[in-house]
Protein backbone atom coordinates (compact mmCIF):
# COMPACT_ATOMS: atom_id res chain seq x y z
CA MET A 1 28.75 7.39 -4.22
CA TYR A 2 25.15 6.26 -4.35
CA LYS A 3 23.37 5.90 -7.69
CA ARG A 4 20.09 7.72 -8.30
CA VAL A 5 16.84 5.72 -8.34
CA VAL A 6 13.71 6.62 -10.27
CA ILE A 7 10.23 5.18 -10.78
CA THR A 8 9.48 4.39 -14.41
CA GLY A 9 6.34 2.25 -14.22
CA ILE A 10 3.24 1.94 -12.03
CA GLY A 11 0.31 -0.48 -11.79
CA ALA A 12 -2.73 -0.50 -9.52
CA LEU A 13 -5.68 -2.73 -8.70
CA THR A 14 -7.76 -1.09 -5.98
CA PRO A 15 -11.25 -0.81 -4.49
CA ILE A 16 -11.76 2.44 -6.44
CA GLY A 17 -10.26 1.40 -9.77
CA ASN A 18 -8.71 -1.63 -11.43
CA THR A 19 -6.02 0.25 -13.37
CA VAL A 20 -3.86 3.28 -12.62
CA LYS A 21 -6.12 5.42 -14.79
CA GLU A 22 -9.25 4.29 -12.94
CA TYR A 23 -7.53 4.58 -9.56
CA SER A 24 -6.44 8.14 -10.36
CA ALA A 25 -9.97 9.11 -11.39
CA GLY A 26 -11.35 7.64 -8.16
CA LEU A 27 -8.81 9.44 -5.99
CA PHE A 28 -9.43 12.90 -7.41
CA ALA A 29 -13.21 12.38 -7.48
CA GLY A 30 -13.22 11.51 -3.78
CA LYS A 31 -14.77 8.10 -4.45
CA SER A 32 -15.53 5.70 -1.61
CA GLY A 33 -14.63 2.05 -2.21
CA ALA A 34 -16.68 0.77 0.71
CA ALA A 35 -19.62 -1.56 0.14
CA PRO A 36 -21.32 -4.57 1.78
CA ILE A 37 -19.09 -7.65 1.78
CA THR A 38 -19.89 -10.07 -1.03
CA TYR A 39 -17.35 -12.83 -0.31
CA PHE A 40 -19.16 -14.48 2.60
CA ASP A 41 -22.26 -14.34 4.79
CA THR A 42 -21.68 -11.58 7.37
CA THR A 43 -24.81 -12.25 9.45
CA HIS A 44 -22.88 -13.08 12.60
CA PHE A 45 -19.98 -10.65 12.09
CA LYS A 46 -19.62 -7.27 13.78
CA THR A 47 -18.47 -5.68 10.52
CA LYS A 48 -20.49 -6.32 7.38
CA PHE A 49 -18.70 -4.08 4.85
CA ALA A 50 -15.26 -3.63 3.33
CA CYS A 51 -13.42 -2.10 0.39
CA GLU A 52 -13.41 -4.99 -2.08
CA VAL A 53 -11.92 -4.87 -5.57
CA LYS A 54 -14.91 -4.56 -7.92
CA GLY A 55 -15.47 -6.70 -11.01
CA PHE A 56 -12.21 -8.63 -10.87
CA ASP A 57 -12.25 -11.62 -13.23
CA VAL A 58 -9.17 -13.54 -14.34
CA ALA A 59 -10.91 -14.06 -17.70
CA ASN A 60 -10.20 -10.38 -18.35
CA TYR A 61 -6.46 -11.12 -18.32
CA PRO A 62 -5.93 -13.93 -20.85
CA ASN A 63 -2.40 -12.68 -21.54
CA ILE A 64 -1.46 -13.36 -17.90
CA PHE A 65 -3.47 -16.41 -16.81
CA ASP A 66 -4.75 -19.66 -18.21
CA ARG A 67 -7.12 -22.00 -16.40
CA LYS A 68 -4.37 -24.34 -15.23
CA GLU A 69 -2.36 -21.48 -13.77
CA VAL A 70 -5.20 -19.87 -11.82
CA LYS A 71 -5.59 -22.79 -9.41
CA LYS A 72 -2.00 -22.25 -8.27
CA HIS A 73 -2.79 -18.76 -6.94
CA ASP A 74 -4.43 -17.31 -3.88
CA LEU A 75 -6.39 -14.15 -4.71
CA TYR A 76 -3.64 -11.95 -3.25
CA SER A 77 -1.23 -13.51 -5.75
CA LEU A 78 -3.60 -13.00 -8.68
CA PHE A 79 -3.81 -9.34 -7.69
CA ALA A 80 0.00 -9.17 -7.62
CA MET A 81 0.32 -10.59 -11.11
CA VAL A 82 -2.10 -8.02 -12.55
CA ALA A 83 -0.59 -4.93 -10.86
CA SER A 84 3.00 -5.96 -11.63
CA GLU A 85 2.10 -6.63 -15.27
CA GLU A 86 0.61 -3.15 -15.66
CA ALA A 87 3.72 -1.60 -14.08
CA ILE A 88 6.13 -3.54 -16.32
CA ILE A 89 4.20 -2.64 -19.48
CA ASP A 90 3.95 0.98 -18.34
CA SER A 91 7.72 1.16 -17.82
CA GLY A 92 8.47 0.14 -21.39
CA LEU A 93 11.25 -2.16 -20.22
CA ASP A 94 12.21 -4.77 -22.81
CA LEU A 95 12.85 -7.66 -20.45
CA GLN A 96 14.19 -9.82 -23.29
CA SER A 97 17.11 -7.46 -23.84
CA ILE A 98 18.11 -7.04 -20.20
CA ASP A 99 20.51 -9.25 -18.25
CA PRO A 100 17.97 -11.24 -16.18
CA THR A 101 20.28 -11.21 -13.15
CA SER A 102 20.23 -7.40 -13.09
CA ILE A 103 16.51 -7.12 -12.31
CA GLY A 104 14.60 -8.78 -9.48
CA VAL A 105 11.36 -8.72 -7.52
CA ILE A 106 10.49 -7.69 -3.97
CA TRP A 107 6.77 -8.16 -3.44
CA ALA A 108 5.17 -7.51 -0.06
CA SER A 109 2.16 -8.93 1.75
CA GLY A 110 1.25 -8.52 5.37
CA ILE A 111 -0.83 -11.70 5.54
CA GLY A 112 -0.39 -13.54 2.22
CA GLY A 113 -2.76 -16.38 1.38
CA ILE A 114 -5.09 -16.20 4.36
CA ARG A 115 -8.06 -17.09 2.13
CA THR A 116 -6.36 -20.31 1.04
CA PHE A 117 -5.33 -21.14 4.60
CA PHE A 118 -8.85 -20.67 5.93
CA ASP A 119 -10.51 -22.63 3.14
CA GLU A 120 -8.10 -25.57 3.37
CA VAL A 121 -8.22 -25.87 7.15
CA LYS A 122 -11.99 -25.43 7.18
CA GLY A 123 -12.31 -28.21 4.63
CA TYR A 124 -10.21 -30.51 6.81
CA THR A 125 -11.94 -29.76 10.11
CA THR A 126 -15.43 -30.21 8.66
CA GLY A 127 -14.48 -33.49 6.99
CA ASN A 128 -13.90 -36.92 8.48
CA GLY A 129 -10.45 -36.12 9.86
CA VAL A 130 -8.58 -37.58 6.91
CA PRO A 131 -5.89 -35.05 5.80
CA ARG A 132 -6.80 -34.29 2.22
CA PHE A 133 -5.15 -30.99 1.43
CA SER A 134 -4.55 -29.54 -1.99
CA PRO A 135 -0.99 -29.98 -3.28
CA PHE A 136 -1.12 -26.23 -3.92
CA PHE A 137 -2.07 -25.41 -0.31
CA VAL A 138 1.36 -24.35 0.93
CA PRO A 139 2.59 -22.74 -2.32
CA LYS A 140 -0.62 -20.71 -2.53
CA MET A 141 -0.58 -19.66 1.11
CA ILE A 142 2.97 -18.45 1.77
CA SER A 143 3.52 -14.70 1.63
CA ASP A 144 6.55 -14.86 -0.64
CA ILE A 145 4.92 -16.79 -3.45
CA ALA A 146 3.69 -13.72 -5.35
CA SER A 147 7.27 -12.55 -5.88
CA GLY A 148 8.10 -16.05 -7.07
CA HIS A 149 5.26 -16.07 -9.60
CA ILE A 150 6.26 -12.65 -10.96
CA SER A 151 9.90 -13.64 -11.38
CA ILE A 152 9.01 -16.95 -13.05
CA ARG A 153 6.60 -15.31 -15.50
CA HIS A 154 9.17 -12.72 -16.60
CA GLY A 155 12.39 -14.70 -16.15
CA LEU A 156 13.81 -12.27 -13.59
CA ARG A 157 16.83 -13.80 -11.84
CA GLY A 158 17.88 -10.93 -9.60
CA PRO A 159 17.06 -10.67 -5.87
CA ASN A 160 13.68 -12.22 -5.18
CA TYR A 161 11.86 -12.15 -1.86
CA CYS A 162 8.97 -10.82 0.20
CA THR A 163 8.91 -8.19 2.92
CA VAL A 164 6.47 -8.79 5.78
CA SER A 165 6.03 -5.99 8.30
CA ALA A 166 2.25 -5.79 8.61
CA CYS A 167 0.93 -2.57 7.07
CA ALA A 168 4.46 -1.22 6.49
CA SER A 169 5.31 -4.18 4.23
CA SER A 170 5.24 -2.60 0.77
CA ASN A 171 7.06 0.56 1.85
CA ASN A 172 9.73 -1.77 3.20
CA ALA A 173 9.79 -3.48 -0.21
CA ILE A 174 10.28 -0.10 -1.93
CA ILE A 175 13.07 0.85 0.48
CA ASP A 176 14.87 -2.47 0.02
CA ALA A 177 14.71 -2.18 -3.77
CA PHE A 178 15.82 1.45 -3.58
CA ASN A 179 18.88 0.45 -1.55
CA LEU A 180 19.80 -2.43 -3.87
CA ILE A 181 19.73 -0.16 -6.90
CA ARG A 182 21.53 2.81 -5.38
CA MET A 183 24.30 0.52 -4.14
CA GLY A 184 24.75 -0.78 -7.68
CA LYS A 185 23.62 -4.35 -6.99
CA VAL A 186 20.96 -4.33 -9.73
CA ASP A 187 19.71 -2.06 -12.51
CA ALA A 188 15.98 -2.33 -11.84
CA MET A 189 13.43 -3.98 -9.54
CA VAL A 190 9.76 -4.89 -9.70
CA VAL A 191 8.32 -3.92 -6.32
CA GLY A 192 4.94 -3.61 -4.67
CA GLY A 193 2.45 -5.34 -2.44
CA SER A 194 -0.87 -7.14 -2.54
CA GLU A 195 -3.45 -8.26 -0.04
CA SER A 196 -6.75 -10.11 0.01
CA ALA A 197 -7.82 -10.69 3.60
CA ILE A 198 -11.56 -10.00 3.28
CA ASN A 199 -12.74 -13.41 4.43
CA GLU A 200 -14.15 -14.88 7.62
CA ALA A 201 -10.73 -15.19 9.27
CA GLY A 202 -9.50 -11.74 8.27
CA VAL A 203 -12.63 -9.83 9.21
CA GLY A 204 -13.33 -11.94 12.29
CA GLY A 205 -9.75 -11.59 13.51
CA PHE A 206 -9.60 -7.83 13.10
CA ASN A 207 -13.05 -7.56 14.74
CA ALA A 208 -11.75 -9.50 17.72
CA ALA A 209 -8.85 -7.06 17.95
CA GLN A 210 -11.40 -4.19 17.89
CA ALA A 211 -9.56 -2.68 14.94
CA LEU A 212 -12.36 -2.44 12.35
CA SER A 213 -15.13 0.09 12.01
CA THR A 214 -18.56 -1.34 12.79
CA ARG A 215 -20.52 1.51 11.19
CA ASN A 216 -22.85 -0.89 9.36
CA ASP A 217 -25.61 1.70 9.06
CA ASP A 218 -23.32 4.13 7.20
CA TRP A 219 -20.67 1.97 5.62
CA GLN A 220 -19.94 4.30 2.69
CA THR A 221 -18.52 6.96 5.03
CA ALA A 222 -17.09 4.61 7.67
CA SER A 223 -13.46 5.33 6.78
CA ARG A 224 -13.27 8.85 8.19
CA PRO A 225 -9.76 9.85 9.29
CA PHE A 226 -9.53 12.91 11.57
CA ASP A 227 -13.29 12.88 12.24
CA ARG A 228 -14.55 12.87 15.81
CA ASP A 229 -16.69 9.78 15.22
CA ARG A 230 -14.07 7.54 13.59
CA ASP A 231 -14.27 4.05 15.06
CA GLY A 232 -11.64 1.94 13.28
CA PHE A 233 -10.32 1.16 9.84
CA VAL A 234 -12.17 -0.31 6.88
CA ILE A 235 -10.38 -3.36 5.52
CA GLY A 236 -9.48 -3.17 1.84
CA GLU A 237 -7.80 -5.36 -0.75
CA GLY A 238 -5.86 -5.05 -3.99
CA ALA A 239 -2.33 -4.41 -5.18
CA GLY A 240 0.12 -1.75 -6.24
CA GLY A 241 3.20 -2.29 -8.38
CA LEU A 242 6.15 -0.04 -9.25
CA ILE A 243 9.24 -0.33 -11.42
CA LEU A 244 12.32 1.14 -9.74
CA GLU A 245 15.25 1.79 -12.03
CA GLU A 246 18.74 3.25 -11.84
CA TYR A 247 18.56 6.76 -13.27
CA GLU A 248 21.26 6.42 -15.95
CA HIS A 249 19.78 3.08 -17.04
CA ALA A 250 16.37 4.72 -17.47
CA LYS A 251 17.89 7.76 -19.19
CA ALA A 252 19.78 5.60 -21.68
CA ARG A 253 16.54 4.11 -22.97
CA ASN A 254 14.64 7.43 -22.90
CA ALA A 255 12.19 6.11 -20.32
CA LYS A 256 9.53 8.35 -18.86
CA VAL A 257 10.24 9.09 -15.21
CA TYR A 258 7.43 9.60 -12.72
CA ALA A 259 9.59 10.57 -9.77
CA GLU A 260 12.94 10.10 -8.10
CA ILE A 261 13.15 8.32 -4.76
CA LEU A 262 15.25 10.55 -2.54
CA GLY A 263 15.20 8.49 0.63
CA GLY A 264 13.55 5.93 2.84
CA GLY A 265 13.38 5.49 6.59
CA MET A 266 12.38 2.78 9.04
CA SER A 267 11.76 2.72 12.78
CA GLY A 268 10.09 0.74 15.56
CA ASP A 269 7.65 1.99 18.19
CA ALA A 270 8.84 -0.51 20.83
CA TYR A 271 5.58 0.12 22.62
CA HIS A 272 2.55 -2.11 21.93
CA LEU A 273 1.43 -4.90 19.60
CA THR A 274 -1.38 -2.94 17.95
CA ALA A 275 -1.50 0.60 19.37
CA PRO A 276 0.82 3.43 18.27
CA HIS A 277 3.12 5.11 20.74
CA PRO A 278 0.92 7.86 22.28
CA GLU A 279 3.64 10.47 21.73
CA GLY A 280 4.27 9.26 18.20
CA LEU A 281 7.91 8.50 18.91
CA GLY A 282 8.20 5.87 16.18
CA ALA A 283 6.45 8.12 13.67
CA ILE A 284 8.76 11.01 14.57
CA ALA A 285 11.83 8.80 14.22
CA VAL A 286 10.84 7.38 10.83
CA MET A 287 10.09 10.75 9.27
CA GLN A 288 13.32 12.23 10.61
CA ALA A 289 15.28 9.25 9.32
CA THR A 290 13.69 9.61 5.87
CA LEU A 291 14.46 13.32 5.62
CA LYS A 292 18.03 12.68 6.73
CA ASP A 293 18.47 9.89 4.20
CA ALA A 294 17.11 12.15 1.45
CA GLY A 295 19.27 15.06 2.51
CA ILE A 296 16.50 17.65 2.31
CA SER A 297 14.94 20.12 4.71
CA VAL A 298 11.41 19.98 6.07
CA GLU A 299 10.57 23.16 4.14
CA GLU A 300 11.01 21.34 0.82
CA VAL A 301 8.16 18.87 1.45
CA ASP A 302 4.83 19.79 -0.14
CA TYR A 303 2.57 16.83 0.63
CA ILE A 304 2.31 13.97 3.10
CA ASN A 305 0.13 10.97 2.38
CA VAL A 306 -0.29 9.97 6.01
CA HIS A 307 -1.03 6.51 7.38
CA GLY A 308 -4.36 7.92 8.61
CA THR A 309 -6.32 4.72 9.16
CA SER A 310 -9.36 6.27 10.90
CA THR A 311 -8.55 4.85 14.32
CA PRO A 312 -9.08 6.95 17.46
CA LEU A 313 -5.46 6.70 18.64
CA GLY A 314 -3.51 6.44 15.39
CA ASP A 315 -4.73 9.60 13.67
CA VAL A 316 -3.94 11.79 16.68
CA ALA A 317 -0.49 10.32 17.28
CA GLU A 318 0.56 10.69 13.63
CA LEU A 319 -0.56 14.31 13.28
CA ASN A 320 1.21 15.21 16.53
CA ALA A 321 4.34 13.57 15.12
CA VAL A 322 4.03 15.59 11.90
CA LYS A 323 3.86 18.79 13.94
CA LYS A 324 6.90 17.77 15.95
CA VAL A 325 9.01 16.95 12.87
CA PHE A 326 7.91 19.78 10.57
CA GLY A 327 7.43 22.58 13.10
CA ASP A 328 6.04 25.77 11.57
CA HIS A 329 6.14 24.23 8.11
CA ALA A 330 3.52 21.65 9.16
CA LYS A 331 0.79 24.23 8.55
CA LYS A 332 2.09 24.95 5.05
CA LEU A 333 1.90 21.30 3.96
CA ASN A 334 -0.99 19.49 2.40
CA ILE A 335 -1.85 16.32 4.29
CA SER A 336 -4.36 13.70 3.29
CA SER A 337 -5.35 10.11 3.98
CA THR A 338 -6.37 8.27 0.83
CA LYS A 339 -7.46 5.37 3.05
CA SER A 340 -10.66 7.36 3.45
CA MET A 341 -11.38 6.21 -0.12
CA THR A 342 -9.59 2.88 -0.57
CA GLY A 343 -9.87 1.55 2.94
CA HIS A 344 -6.77 -0.01 4.44
CA LEU A 345 -5.00 -2.41 2.09
CA LEU A 346 -2.72 -3.66 4.88
CA GLY A 347 0.54 -4.87 3.29
CA ALA A 348 -0.36 -3.24 -0.04
CA ALA A 349 -1.06 0.18 1.49
CA GLY A 350 2.42 1.61 1.01
CA ALA A 351 2.50 0.70 -2.67
CA ILE A 352 -0.86 2.18 -3.67
CA GLU A 353 -0.27 5.26 -1.52
CA THR A 354 3.17 5.85 -3.03
CA ILE A 355 1.37 5.73 -6.38
CA ALA A 356 -1.12 8.28 -4.98
CA CYS A 357 1.85 10.57 -4.24
CA ILE A 358 3.08 10.11 -7.82
CA LEU A 359 -0.36 10.97 -9.17
CA ALA A 360 -0.51 14.08 -6.98
CA MET A 361 2.83 15.16 -8.49
CA SER A 362 1.71 14.39 -12.03
CA GLU A 363 -1.63 16.22 -11.74
CA ASN A 364 -0.57 18.94 -9.26
CA VAL A 365 -3.69 18.04 -7.29
CA ILE A 366 -3.87 16.71 -3.73
CA PRO A 367 -6.31 13.81 -3.31
CA PRO A 368 -8.76 14.51 -0.49
CA THR A 369 -9.48 13.03 2.89
CA ILE A 370 -13.17 12.29 2.40
CA ASN A 371 -15.95 11.58 4.94
CA PHE A 372 -15.08 14.38 7.35
CA HIS A 373 -18.12 15.58 9.29
CA GLU A 374 -17.38 16.44 12.92
CA PRO A 375 -14.24 18.05 14.38
CA ASP A 376 -12.32 16.28 17.14
CA GLN A 377 -10.87 18.45 19.91
CA GLN A 378 -7.73 16.28 19.93
CA ILE A 379 -6.88 17.21 16.34
CA ASP A 380 -5.34 20.51 15.18
CA TYR A 381 -7.34 21.65 12.16
CA SER A 382 -4.93 24.50 11.46
CA LEU A 383 -3.13 21.69 9.60
CA ASN A 384 -4.35 21.44 6.01
CA LEU A 385 -5.87 17.95 6.02
CA THR A 386 -7.39 18.40 2.53
CA LEU A 387 -10.83 17.66 3.90
CA ASN A 388 -13.58 16.38 1.58
CA GLN A 389 -12.36 18.10 -1.60
CA PRO A 390 -9.17 17.78 -3.69
CA GLN A 391 -6.94 20.85 -3.76
CA GLU A 392 -4.78 22.17 -6.57
CA ARG A 393 -1.14 22.52 -5.59
CA LYS A 394 2.21 22.13 -7.27
CA VAL A 395 3.79 19.08 -5.68
CA LYS A 396 7.55 18.78 -6.03
CA VAL A 397 8.29 16.61 -2.99
CA ALA A 398 5.95 14.11 -1.32
CA LEU A 399 6.26 11.84 1.70
CA ASN A 400 4.38 8.58 2.19
CA ASN A 401 3.97 7.16 5.73
CA VAL A 402 2.84 3.65 6.62
CA PHE A 403 2.79 2.10 10.08
CA GLY A 404 1.99 -1.49 11.06
CA PHE A 405 0.96 -3.73 13.95
CA GLY A 406 4.05 -4.59 15.95
CA GLY A 407 5.24 -0.98 15.81
CA HIS A 408 6.72 -1.19 12.29
CA ASN A 409 7.12 2.19 10.59
CA ALA A 410 8.38 2.93 7.06
CA SER A 411 8.39 6.13 5.03
CA VAL A 412 9.40 6.94 1.46
CA LEU A 413 10.25 10.38 0.07
CA LEU A 414 9.71 11.20 -3.62
CA LYS A 415 10.73 14.14 -5.80
CA LYS A 416 9.29 15.15 -9.15
CA LEU A 417 11.98 15.64 -11.81
């Protein structure tokens, strides 16, 4: 008999808000996080804008970092520490009174310390050929180090690792933690994902793959899922953190509960390195697997936060998959892509978008898909895509989809208690 799993804490650091409260306000206001890139000179780059985190300064977090500690972190890891801290505090867990082996960390990143990697290698190649790398180079760069930092800071001795499945990474982290708790392996888990790939290598690499929007003359509305003129995703950065807890454990300490996780599903496209299966076979399979795992019918789902990256192929394939899975009920759902506001946070996308589902449940408001201007004949607008404006709706059950390069698909289903 599986145990029940609930979410008791959330934390967010995003391009539209540096706390959950700010993130929520940005979502329901339809705020765009896009702006010209400030991290490097974009003169020779095809894309000159991104969704950066605004006003981030480690000096604002003296309870988390000191000067000596900061140099041990890549920016993606700093983001992880901040979002996980907010989630832990929000949960009200007294970590000093809990068996440290009964709580662990699974923290995702699709790319990890790409900023550190680029800076260190660039420094070597532009030098005199003498290998003078920082002793923190490897520990800062590897994708699993954020989970290590979180566990060390809080003394958490339970399972500790990183999930890496491109843009599906943090949904995979949530699913893994969900399974560990419901099987009785642990009482609680700190989960989430973080990413900071807005540098020369990240932007240049995605440009070379023709994945990014190049709408430099209208960057604020460049992330436009379901619009005829969408031309690629807008790269974003930040982190999302969640505390997953066994239901009876949370109940015993009178914890507030945001939502119950009913199920999680995973699938592979087995089709192409970067493009989705044109018939959405992987997307169909992952949603069906999630519904089966949760043991609920399609008619019970109120809202889907879709992957919706604003790519010509991906948006069409996913909506066709939704229609296939949900049938007549597809037109009774609310659907939205919050990437229209945050941009695409890559390995952190699943975490912040699961939090968006929680906020929709809490507020009974669907966050919008902003920046819609022109209809696309390939898209069925009889589906309620929550275009441009938030919509009031009671949300009892919500589904979050994330899909990644390599054909990785992961979905999480939540229920409001």
